[in-house]
């Protein structure tokens, strides 16, 4: 699985979000994660 992530063209996009540590969030179909730019905006 990590090998697939290393090839993922979108791996850096994850940094656009403020995701809690030690959580695997699989509910973006109900409530999307917080973008990192939202609070300052």
ModelCIF file with pLDDT and N, C-alpha, C, O atoms, coordinates in Angstrom:
data_MODEL
#
_entry.id   MODEL 
#
_entity.id                         1 
_entity.type                       polymer 
_entity.pdbx_number_of_molecules   1 
#
_entity_poly.entity_id                      1 
_entity_poly.type                           'polypeptide(L)' 
_entity_poly.nstd_linkage                   no 
_entity_poly.nstd_monomer                   no 
_entity_poly.pdbx_seq_one_letter_code       
;(UNK)(UNK)(UNK)(UNK)(UNK)(UNK)(UNK)(UNK)(UNK)(UNK)(UNK)(UNK)(UNK)(UNK)(UNK)(UNK)
(UNK)(UNK)(UNK)(UNK)(UNK)(UNK)(UNK)(UNK)(UNK)(UNK)(UNK)(UNK)(UNK)(UNK)(UNK)(UNK)
(UNK)(UNK)(UNK)(UNK)(UNK)(UNK)(UNK)(UNK)(UNK)
;
_entity_poly.pdbx_seq_one_letter_code_can   XXXXXXXXXXXXXXXXXXXXXXXXXXXXXXXXXXXXXXXXX 
_entity_poly.pdbx_strand_id                 A 
#
loop_
_entity_poly_seq.entity_id 
_entity_poly_seq.num 
_entity_poly_seq.mon_id 
_entity_poly_seq.hetero 
1 1  UNK n 
1 2  UNK n 
1 3  UNK n 
1 4  UNK n 
1 5  UNK n 
1 6  UNK n 
1 7  UNK n 
1 8  UNK n 
1 9  UNK n 
1 10 UNK n 
1 11 UNK n 
1 12 UNK n 
1 13 UNK n 
1 14 UNK n 
1 15 UNK n 
1 16 UNK n 
1 17 UNK n 
1 18 UNK n 
1 19 UNK n 
1 20 UNK n 
1 21 UNK n 
1 22 UNK n 
1 23 UNK n 
1 24 UNK n 
1 25 UNK n 
1 26 UNK n 
1 27 UNK n 
1 28 UNK n 
1 29 UNK n 
1 30 UNK n 
1 31 UNK n 
1 32 UNK n 
1 33 UNK n 
1 34 UNK n 
1 35 UNK n 
1 36 UNK n 
1 37 UNK n 
1 38 UNK n 
1 39 UNK n 
1 40 UNK n 
1 41 UNK n 
#
_struct_asym.id          A 
_struct_asym.entity_id   1 
#
loop_
_ma_qa_metric.id 
_ma_qa_metric.mode 
_ma_qa_metric.name 
_ma_qa_metric.software_group_id 
_ma_qa_metric.type 
1 global pLDDT . pLDDT 
2 local  pLDDT . pLDDT 
#
_ma_qa_metric_global.metric_id      1 
_ma_qa_metric_global.metric_value   96.68 
_ma_qa_metric_global.model_id       1 
_ma_qa_metric_global.ordinal_id     1 
#
loop_
_ma_qa_metric_local.label_asym_id 
_ma_qa_metric_local.label_comp_id 
_ma_qa_metric_local.label_seq_id 
_ma_qa_metric_local.metric_id 
_ma_qa_metric_local.metric_value 
_ma_qa_metric_local.model_id 
_ma_qa_metric_local.ordinal_id 
A UNK 1  2 96.00 1 1  
A UNK 2  2 96.00 1 2  
A UNK 3  2 96.00 1 3  
A UNK 4  2 96.00 1 4  
A UNK 5  2 96.00 1 5  
A UNK 6  2 96.00 1 6  
A UNK 7  2 96.00 1 7  
A UNK 8  2 96.00 1 8  
A UNK 9  2 94.00 1 9  
A UNK 10 2 95.00 1 10 
A UNK 11 2 94.00 1 11 
A UNK 12 2 95.00 1 12 
A UNK 13 2 97.00 1 13 
A UNK 14 2 96.00 1 14 
A UNK 15 2 96.00 1 15 
A UNK 16 2 98.00 1 16 
A UNK 17 2 98.00 1 17 
A UNK 18 2 97.00 1 18 
A UNK 19 2 96.00 1 19 
A UNK 20 2 96.00 1 20 
A UNK 21 2 93.00 1 21 
A UNK 22 2 93.00 1 22 
A UNK 23 2 97.00 1 23 
A UNK 24 2 98.00 1 24 
A UNK 25 2 98.00 1 25 
A UNK 26 2 98.00 1 26 
A UNK 27 2 98.00 1 27 
A UNK 28 2 98.00 1 28 
A UNK 29 2 97.00 1 29 
A UNK 30 2 97.00 1 30 
A UNK 31 2 98.00 1 31 
A UNK 32 2 98.00 1 32 
A UNK 33 2 98.00 1 33 
A UNK 34 2 98.00 1 34 
A UNK 35 2 98.00 1 35 
A UNK 36 2 98.00 1 36 
A UNK 37 2 97.00 1 37 
A UNK 38 2 98.00 1 38 
A UNK 39 2 98.00 1 39 
A UNK 40 2 98.00 1 40 
A UNK 41 2 98.00 1 41 
#
loop_
_atom_site.group_PDB 
_atom_site.id 
_atom_site.type_symbol 
_atom_site.label_atom_id 
_atom_site.label_alt_id 
_atom_site.label_comp_id 
_atom_site.label_asym_id 
_atom_site.label_entity_id 
_atom_site.label_seq_id 
_atom_site.pdbx_PDB_ins_code 
_atom_site.Cartn_x 
_atom_site.Cartn_y 
_atom_site.Cartn_z 
_atom_site.occupancy 
_atom_site.B_iso_or_equiv 
_atom_site.pdbx_formal_charge 
_atom_site.auth_seq_id 
_atom_site.auth_comp_id 
_atom_site.auth_asym_id 
_atom_site.auth_atom_id 
_atom_site.pdbx_PDB_model_num 
ATOM 1   N N  . UNK A 1 1  ? 0.833   -1.200 0.000  1.00 96.00 ? 1  UNK A N  1 
ATOM 2   C CA . UNK A 1 1  ? 0.000   0.000  0.000  1.00 96.00 ? 1  UNK A CA 1 
ATOM 3   C C  . UNK A 1 1  ? 0.869   1.252  0.000  1.00 96.00 ? 1  UNK A C  1 
ATOM 4   O O  . UNK A 1 1  ? 0.577   2.216  -0.708 1.00 96.00 ? 1  UNK A O  1 
ATOM 5   N N  . UNK A 1 2  ? 1.926   1.236  0.787  1.00 96.00 ? 2  UNK A N  1 
ATOM 6   C CA . UNK A 1 2  ? 2.827   2.391  0.815  1.00 96.00 ? 2  UNK A CA 1 
ATOM 7   C C  . UNK A 1 2  ? 3.518   2.604  -0.526 1.00 96.00 ? 2  UNK A C  1 
ATOM 8   O O  . UNK A 1 2  ? 3.810   3.738  -0.905 1.00 96.00 ? 2  UNK A O  1 
ATOM 9   N N  . UNK A 1 3  ? 3.776   1.523  -1.238 1.00 96.00 ? 3  UNK A N  1 
ATOM 10  C CA . UNK A 1 3  ? 4.375   1.646  -2.569 1.00 96.00 ? 3  UNK A CA 1 
ATOM 11  C C  . UNK A 1 3  ? 3.426   2.369  -3.519 1.00 96.00 ? 3  UNK A C  1 
ATOM 12  O O  . UNK A 1 3  ? 3.861   3.178  -4.339 1.00 96.00 ? 3  UNK A O  1 
ATOM 13  N N  . UNK A 1 4  ? 2.139   2.081  -3.410 1.00 96.00 ? 4  UNK A N  1 
ATOM 14  C CA . UNK A 1 4  ? 1.155   2.794  -4.229 1.00 96.00 ? 4  UNK A CA 1 
ATOM 15  C C  . UNK A 1 4  ? 1.109   4.273  -3.862 1.00 96.00 ? 4  UNK A C  1 
ATOM 16  O O  . UNK A 1 4  ? 1.003   5.133  -4.736 1.00 96.00 ? 4  UNK A O  1 
ATOM 17  N N  . UNK A 1 5  ? 1.191   4.564  -2.571 1.00 96.00 ? 5  UNK A N  1 
ATOM 18  C CA . UNK A 1 5  ? 1.187   5.966  -2.142 1.00 96.00 ? 5  UNK A CA 1 
ATOM 19  C C  . UNK A 1 5  ? 2.406   6.712  -2.665 1.00 96.00 ? 5  UNK A C  1 
ATOM 20  O O  . UNK A 1 5  ? 2.318   7.895  -2.992 1.00 96.00 ? 5  UNK A O  1 
ATOM 21  N N  . UNK A 1 6  ? 3.545   6.025  -2.746 1.00 96.00 ? 6  UNK A N  1 
ATOM 22  C CA . UNK A 1 6  ? 4.760   6.675  -3.244 1.00 96.00 ? 6  UNK A CA 1 
ATOM 23  C C  . UNK A 1 6  ? 4.618   7.078  -4.709 1.00 96.00 ? 6  UNK A C  1 
ATOM 24  O O  . UNK A 1 6  ? 5.271   8.015  -5.167 1.00 96.00 ? 6  UNK A O  1 
ATOM 25  N N  . UNK A 1 7  ? 3.761   6.366  -5.439 1.00 96.00 ? 7  UNK A N  1 
ATOM 26  C CA . UNK A 1 7  ? 3.531   6.668  -6.848 1.00 96.00 ? 7  UNK A CA 1 
ATOM 27  C C  . UNK A 1 7  ? 2.340   7.586  -7.071 1.00 96.00 ? 7  UNK A C  1 
ATOM 28  O O  . UNK A 1 7  ? 2.060   7.978  -8.204 1.00 96.00 ? 7  UNK A O  1 
ATOM 29  N N  . UNK A 1 8  ? 1.636   7.930  -5.999 1.00 96.00 ? 8  UNK A N  1 
ATOM 30  C CA . UNK A 1 8  ? 0.399   8.707  -6.114 1.00 96.00 ? 8  UNK A CA 1 
ATOM 31  C C  . UNK A 1 8  ? 0.700   10.159 -6.481 1.00 96.00 ? 8  UNK A C  1 
ATOM 32  O O  . UNK A 1 8  ? 1.397   10.863 -5.750 1.00 96.00 ? 8  UNK A O  1 
ATOM 33  N N  . UNK A 1 9  ? 0.170   10.594 -7.611 1.00 94.00 ? 9  UNK A N  1 
ATOM 34  C CA . UNK A 1 9  ? 0.401   11.974 -8.069 1.00 94.00 ? 9  UNK A CA 1 
ATOM 35  C C  . UNK A 1 9  ? -0.253  13.000 -7.153 1.00 94.00 ? 9  UNK A C  1 
ATOM 36  O O  . UNK A 1 9  ? 0.066   14.187 -7.221 1.00 94.00 ? 9  UNK A O  1 
ATOM 37  N N  . UNK A 1 10 ? -1.168  12.547 -6.292 1.00 95.00 ? 10 UNK A N  1 
ATOM 38  C CA . UNK A 1 10 ? -1.911  13.472 -5.435 1.00 95.00 ? 10 UNK A CA 1 
ATOM 39  C C  . UNK A 1 10 ? -1.446  13.446 -3.991 1.00 95.00 ? 10 UNK A C  1 
ATOM 40  O O  . UNK A 1 10 ? -2.107  14.016 -3.122 1.00 95.00 ? 10 UNK A O  1 
ATOM 41  N N  . UNK A 1 11 ? -0.329  12.800 -3.717 1.00 94.00 ? 11 UNK A N  1 
ATOM 42  C CA . UNK A 1 11 ? 0.088   12.654 -2.313 1.00 94.00 ? 11 UNK A CA 1 
ATOM 43  C C  . UNK A 1 11 ? 0.350   14.006 -1.650 1.00 94.00 ? 11 UNK A C  1 
ATOM 44  O O  . UNK A 1 11 ? 0.134   14.161 -0.448 1.00 94.00 ? 11 UNK A O  1 
ATOM 45  N N  . UNK A 1 12 ? 0.819   14.990 -2.435 1.00 95.00 ? 12 UNK A N  1 
ATOM 46  C CA . UNK A 1 12 ? 1.070   16.306 -1.845 1.00 95.00 ? 12 UNK A CA 1 
ATOM 47  C C  . UNK A 1 12 ? -0.213  17.091 -1.602 1.00 95.00 ? 12 UNK A C  1 
ATOM 48  O O  . UNK A 1 12 ? -0.223  18.034 -0.810 1.00 95.00 ? 12 UNK A O  1 
ATOM 49  N N  . UNK A 1 13 ? -1.306  16.707 -2.284 1.00 97.00 ? 13 UNK A N  1 
ATOM 50  C CA . UNK A 1 13 ? -2.588  17.401 -2.108 1.00 97.00 ? 13 UNK A CA 1 
ATOM 51  C C  . UNK A 1 13 ? -3.099  17.213 -0.686 1.00 97.00 ? 13 UNK A C  1 
ATOM 52  O O  . UNK A 1 13 ? -3.824  18.059 -0.164 1.00 97.00 ? 13 UNK A O  1 
ATOM 53  N N  . UNK A 1 14 ? -2.720  16.106 -0.066 1.00 96.00 ? 14 UNK A N  1 
ATOM 54  C CA . UNK A 1 14 ? -3.155  15.841 1.310  1.00 96.00 ? 14 UNK A CA 1 
ATOM 55  C C  . UNK A 1 14 ? -2.734  16.985 2.243  1.00 96.00 ? 14 UNK A C  1 
ATOM 56  O O  . UNK A 1 14 ? -3.390  17.246 3.251  1.00 96.00 ? 14 UNK A O  1 
ATOM 57  N N  . UNK A 1 15 ? -1.637  17.659 1.896  1.00 96.00 ? 15 UNK A N  1 
ATOM 58  C CA . UNK A 1 15 ? -1.167  18.761 2.729  1.00 96.00 ? 15 UNK A CA 1 
ATOM 59  C C  . UNK A 1 15 ? -2.087  19.976 2.663  1.00 96.00 ? 15 UNK A C  1 
ATOM 60  O O  . UNK A 1 15 ? -1.928  20.910 3.450  1.00 96.00 ? 15 UNK A O  1 
ATOM 61  N N  . UNK A 1 16 ? -3.043  19.979 1.741  1.00 98.00 ? 16 UNK A N  1 
ATOM 62  C CA . UNK A 1 16 ? -4.004  21.073 1.671  1.00 98.00 ? 16 UNK A CA 1 
ATOM 63  C C  . UNK A 1 16 ? -5.068  20.964 2.763  1.00 98.00 ? 16 UNK A C  1 
ATOM 64  O O  . UNK A 1 16 ? -5.934  21.831 2.877  1.00 98.00 ? 16 UNK A O  1 
ATOM 65  N N  . UNK A 1 17 ? -5.005  19.899 3.563  1.00 98.00 ? 17 UNK A N  1 
ATOM 66  C CA . UNK A 1 17 ? -6.028  19.653 4.579  1.00 98.00 ? 17 UNK A CA 1 
ATOM 67  C C  . UNK A 1 17 ? -5.407  19.569 5.970  1.00 98.00 ? 17 UNK A C  1 
ATOM 68  O O  . UNK A 1 17 ? -4.261  19.151 6.134  1.00 98.00 ? 17 UNK A O  1 
ATOM 69  N N  . UNK A 1 18 ? -6.189  19.974 6.964  1.00 97.00 ? 18 UNK A N  1 
ATOM 70  C CA . UNK A 1 18 ? -5.798  19.826 8.366  1.00 97.00 ? 18 UNK A CA 1 
ATOM 71  C C  . UNK A 1 18 ? -6.463  18.565 8.904  1.00 97.00 ? 18 UNK A C  1 
ATOM 72  O O  . UNK A 1 18 ? -7.571  18.616 9.439  1.00 97.00 ? 18 UNK A O  1 
ATOM 73  N N  . UNK A 1 19 ? -5.791  17.453 8.760  1.00 96.00 ? 19 UNK A N  1 
ATOM 74  C CA . UNK A 1 19 ? -6.344  16.168 9.189  1.00 96.00 ? 19 UNK A CA 1 
ATOM 75  C C  . UNK A 1 19 ? -5.811  15.813 10.576 1.00 96.00 ? 19 UNK A C  1 
ATOM 76  O O  . UNK A 1 19 ? -4.616  15.964 10.830 1.00 96.00 ? 19 UNK A O  1 
ATOM 77  N N  . UNK A 1 20 ? -6.676  15.345 11.473 1.00 96.00 ? 20 UNK A N  1 
ATOM 78  C CA . UNK A 1 20 ? -6.213  14.972 12.816 1.00 96.00 ? 20 UNK A CA 1 
ATOM 79  C C  . UNK A 1 20 ? -5.177  13.846 12.747 1.00 96.00 ? 20 UNK A C  1 
ATOM 80  O O  . UNK A 1 20 ? -5.293  12.930 11.932 1.00 96.00 ? 20 UNK A O  1 
ATOM 81  N N  . UNK A 1 21 ? -4.179  13.929 13.602 1.00 93.00 ? 21 UNK A N  1 
ATOM 82  C CA . UNK A 1 21 ? -3.189  12.861 13.675 1.00 93.00 ? 21 UNK A CA 1 
ATOM 83  C C  . UNK A 1 21 ? -3.823  11.595 14.252 1.00 93.00 ? 21 UNK A C  1 
ATOM 84  O O  . UNK A 1 21 ? -4.754  11.651 15.055 1.00 93.00 ? 21 UNK A O  1 
ATOM 85  N N  . UNK A 1 22 ? -3.299  10.478 13.826 1.00 93.00 ? 22 UNK A N  1 
ATOM 86  C CA . UNK A 1 22 ? -3.729  9.167  14.324 1.00 93.00 ? 22 UNK A CA 1 
ATOM 87  C C  . UNK A 1 22 ? -5.216  8.910  14.065 1.00 93.00 ? 22 UNK A C  1 
ATOM 88  O O  . UNK A 1 22 ? -5.870  8.200  14.829 1.00 93.00 ? 22 UNK A O  1 
ATOM 89  N N  . UNK A 1 23 ? -5.739  9.488  12.993 1.00 97.00 ? 23 UNK A N  1 
ATOM 90  C CA . UNK A 1 23 ? -7.113  9.214  12.583 1.00 97.00 ? 23 UNK A CA 1 
ATOM 91  C C  . UNK A 1 23 ? -7.126  8.866  11.107 1.00 97.00 ? 23 UNK A C  1 
ATOM 92  O O  . UNK A 1 23 ? -6.470  9.522  10.297 1.00 97.00 ? 23 UNK A O  1 
ATOM 93  N N  . UNK A 1 24 ? -7.878  7.829  10.763 1.00 98.00 ? 24 UNK A N  1 
ATOM 94  C CA . UNK A 1 24 ? -8.114  7.491  9.360  1.00 98.00 ? 24 UNK A CA 1 
ATOM 95  C C  . UNK A 1 24 ? -9.540  7.934  9.052  1.00 98.00 ? 24 UNK A C  1 
ATOM 96  O O  . UNK A 1 24 ? -10.509 7.310  9.484  1.00 98.00 ? 24 UNK A O  1 
ATOM 97  N N  . UNK A 1 25 ? -9.644  9.014  8.305  1.00 98.00 ? 25 UNK A N  1 
ATOM 98  C CA . UNK A 1 25 ? -10.957 9.631  8.103  1.00 98.00 ? 25 UNK A CA 1 
ATOM 99  C C  . UNK A 1 25 ? -11.583 9.118  6.809  1.00 98.00 ? 25 UNK A C  1 
ATOM 100 O O  . UNK A 1 25 ? -11.123 9.448  5.716  1.00 98.00 ? 25 UNK A O  1 
ATOM 101 N N  . UNK A 1 26 ? -12.632 8.310  6.939  1.00 98.00 ? 26 UNK A N  1 
ATOM 102 C CA . UNK A 1 26 ? -13.318 7.712  5.795  1.00 98.00 ? 26 UNK A CA 1 
ATOM 103 C C  . UNK A 1 26 ? -14.784 8.133  5.785  1.00 98.00 ? 26 UNK A C  1 
ATOM 104 O O  . UNK A 1 26 ? -15.679 7.330  5.519  1.00 98.00 ? 26 UNK A O  1 
ATOM 105 N N  . UNK A 1 27 ? -15.008 9.417  6.082  1.00 98.00 ? 27 UNK A N  1 
ATOM 106 C CA . UNK A 1 27 ? -16.383 9.926  6.117  1.00 98.00 ? 27 UNK A CA 1 
ATOM 107 C C  . UNK A 1 27 ? -16.515 11.243 5.362  1.00 98.00 ? 27 UNK A C  1 
ATOM 108 O O  . UNK A 1 27 ? -17.406 12.042 5.652  1.00 98.00 ? 27 UNK A O  1 
ATOM 109 N N  . UNK A 1 28 ? -15.634 11.468 4.400  1.00 98.00 ? 28 UNK A N  1 
ATOM 110 C CA . UNK A 1 28 ? -15.736 12.677 3.595  1.00 98.00 ? 28 UNK A CA 1 
ATOM 111 C C  . UNK A 1 28 ? -16.972 12.715 2.726  1.00 98.00 ? 28 UNK A C  1 
ATOM 112 O O  . UNK A 1 28 ? -17.311 13.762 2.174  1.00 98.00 ? 28 UNK A O  1 
ATOM 113 N N  . UNK A 1 29 ? -17.653 11.583 2.596  1.00 97.00 ? 29 UNK A N  1 
ATOM 114 C CA . UNK A 1 29 ? -18.925 11.532 1.881  1.00 97.00 ? 29 UNK A CA 1 
ATOM 115 C C  . UNK A 1 29 ? -20.069 12.085 2.729  1.00 97.00 ? 29 UNK A C  1 
ATOM 116 O O  . UNK A 1 29 ? -21.175 12.280 2.225  1.00 97.00 ? 29 UNK A O  1 
ATOM 117 N N  . UNK A 1 30 ? -19.809 12.339 4.022  1.00 97.00 ? 30 UNK A N  1 
ATOM 118 C CA . UNK A 1 30 ? -20.781 12.998 4.890  1.00 97.00 ? 30 UNK A CA 1 
ATOM 119 C C  . UNK A 1 30 ? -20.350 14.411 5.246  1.00 97.00 ? 30 UNK A C  1 
ATOM 120 O O  . UNK A 1 30 ? -21.155 15.341 5.213  1.00 97.00 ? 30 UNK A O  1 
ATOM 121 N N  . UNK A 1 31 ? -19.073 14.569 5.588  1.00 98.00 ? 31 UNK A N  1 
ATOM 122 C CA . UNK A 1 31 ? -18.513 15.879 5.910  1.00 98.00 ? 31 UNK A CA 1 
ATOM 123 C C  . UNK A 1 31 ? -17.054 15.879 5.498  1.00 98.00 ? 31 UNK A C  1 
ATOM 124 O O  . UNK A 1 31 ? -16.245 15.127 6.041  1.00 98.00 ? 31 UNK A O  1 
ATOM 125 N N  . UNK A 1 32 ? -16.722 16.727 4.534  1.00 98.00 ? 32 UNK A N  1 
ATOM 126 C CA . UNK A 1 32 ? -15.353 16.817 4.078  1.00 98.00 ? 32 UNK A CA 1 
ATOM 127 C C  . UNK A 1 32 ? -14.421 17.337 5.154  1.00 98.00 ? 32 UNK A C  1 
ATOM 128 O O  . UNK A 1 32 ? -14.842 18.034 6.077  1.00 98.00 ? 32 UNK A O  1 
ATOM 129 N N  . UNK A 1 33 ? -13.151 16.990 5.025  1.00 98.00 ? 33 UNK A N  1 
ATOM 130 C CA . UNK A 1 33 ? -12.141 17.444 5.978  1.00 98.00 ? 33 UNK A CA 1 
ATOM 131 C C  . UNK A 1 33 ? -11.909 18.951 5.854  1.00 98.00 ? 33 UNK A C  1 
ATOM 132 O O  . UNK A 1 33 ? -12.278 19.573 4.857  1.00 98.00 ? 33 UNK A O  1 
ATOM 133 N N  . UNK A 1 34 ? -11.292 19.517 6.883  1.00 98.00 ? 34 UNK A N  1 
ATOM 134 C CA . UNK A 1 34 ? -11.031 20.953 6.930  1.00 98.00 ? 34 UNK A CA 1 
ATOM 135 C C  . UNK A 1 34 ? -9.830  21.312 6.058  1.00 98.00 ? 34 UNK A C  1 
ATOM 136 O O  . UNK A 1 34 ? -8.728  20.828 6.316  1.00 98.00 ? 34 UNK A O  1 
ATOM 137 N N  . UNK A 1 35 ? -10.014 22.150 5.030  1.00 98.00 ? 35 UNK A N  1 
ATOM 138 C CA . UNK A 1 35 ? -8.850  22.640 4.279  1.00 98.00 ? 35 UNK A CA 1 
ATOM 139 C C  . UNK A 1 35 ? -7.976  23.518 5.163  1.00 98.00 ? 35 UNK A C  1 
ATOM 140 O O  . UNK A 1 35 ? -8.477  24.271 5.998  1.00 98.00 ? 35 UNK A O  1 
ATOM 141 N N  . UNK A 1 36 ? -6.666  23.415 4.973  1.00 98.00 ? 36 UNK A N  1 
ATOM 142 C CA . UNK A 1 36 ? -5.734  24.177 5.805  1.00 98.00 ? 36 UNK A CA 1 
ATOM 143 C C  . UNK A 1 36 ? -5.901  25.681 5.633  1.00 98.00 ? 36 UNK A C  1 
ATOM 144 O O  . UNK A 1 36 ? -5.594  26.447 6.547  1.00 98.00 ? 36 UNK A O  1 
ATOM 145 N N  . UNK A 1 37 ? -6.384  26.110 4.474  1.00 97.00 ? 37 UNK A N  1 
ATOM 146 C CA . UNK A 1 37 ? -6.542  27.543 4.202  1.00 97.00 ? 37 UNK A CA 1 
ATOM 147 C C  . UNK A 1 37 ? -7.838  28.131 4.760  1.00 97.00 ? 37 UNK A C  1 
ATOM 148 O O  . UNK A 1 37 ? -8.017  29.349 4.741  1.00 97.00 ? 37 UNK A O  1 
ATOM 149 N N  . UNK A 1 38 ? -8.732  27.295 5.251  1.00 98.00 ? 38 UNK A N  1 
ATOM 150 C CA . UNK A 1 38 ? -10.047 27.800 5.640  1.00 98.00 ? 38 UNK A CA 1 
ATOM 151 C C  . UNK A 1 38 ? -9.991  28.706 6.867  1.00 98.00 ? 38 UNK A C  1 
ATOM 152 O O  . UNK A 1 38 ? -10.584 29.785 6.864  1.00 98.00 ? 38 UNK A O  1 
ATOM 153 N N  . UNK A 1 39 ? -9.289  28.282 7.909  1.00 98.00 ? 39 UNK A N  1 
ATOM 154 C CA . UNK A 1 39 ? -9.247  29.096 9.130  1.00 98.00 ? 39 UNK A CA 1 
ATOM 155 C C  . UNK A 1 39 ? -8.674  30.491 8.882  1.00 98.00 ? 39 UNK A C  1 
ATOM 156 O O  . UNK A 1 39 ? -9.298  31.471 9.287  1.00 98.00 ? 39 UNK A O  1 
ATOM 157 N N  . UNK A 1 40 ? -7.512  30.625 8.233  1.00 98.00 ? 40 UNK A N  1 
ATOM 158 C CA . UNK A 1 40 ? -7.030  31.994 7.984  1.00 98.00 ? 40 UNK A CA 1 
ATOM 159 C C  . UNK A 1 40 ? -7.955  32.794 7.080  1.00 98.00 ? 40 UNK A C  1 
ATOM 160 O O  . UNK A 1 40 ? -8.085  34.007 7.246  1.00 98.00 ? 40 UNK A O  1 
ATOM 161 N N  . UNK A 1 41 ? -8.601  32.128 6.125  1.00 98.00 ? 41 UNK A N  1 
ATOM 162 C CA . UNK A 1 41 ? -9.535  32.856 5.254  1.00 98.00 ? 41 UNK A CA 1 
ATOM 163 C C  . UNK A 1 41 ? -10.734 33.355 6.042  1.00 98.00 ? 41 UNK A C  1 
ATOM 164 O O  . UNK A 1 41 ? -11.625 33.989 5.476  1.00 98.00 ? 41 UNK A O  1 
#
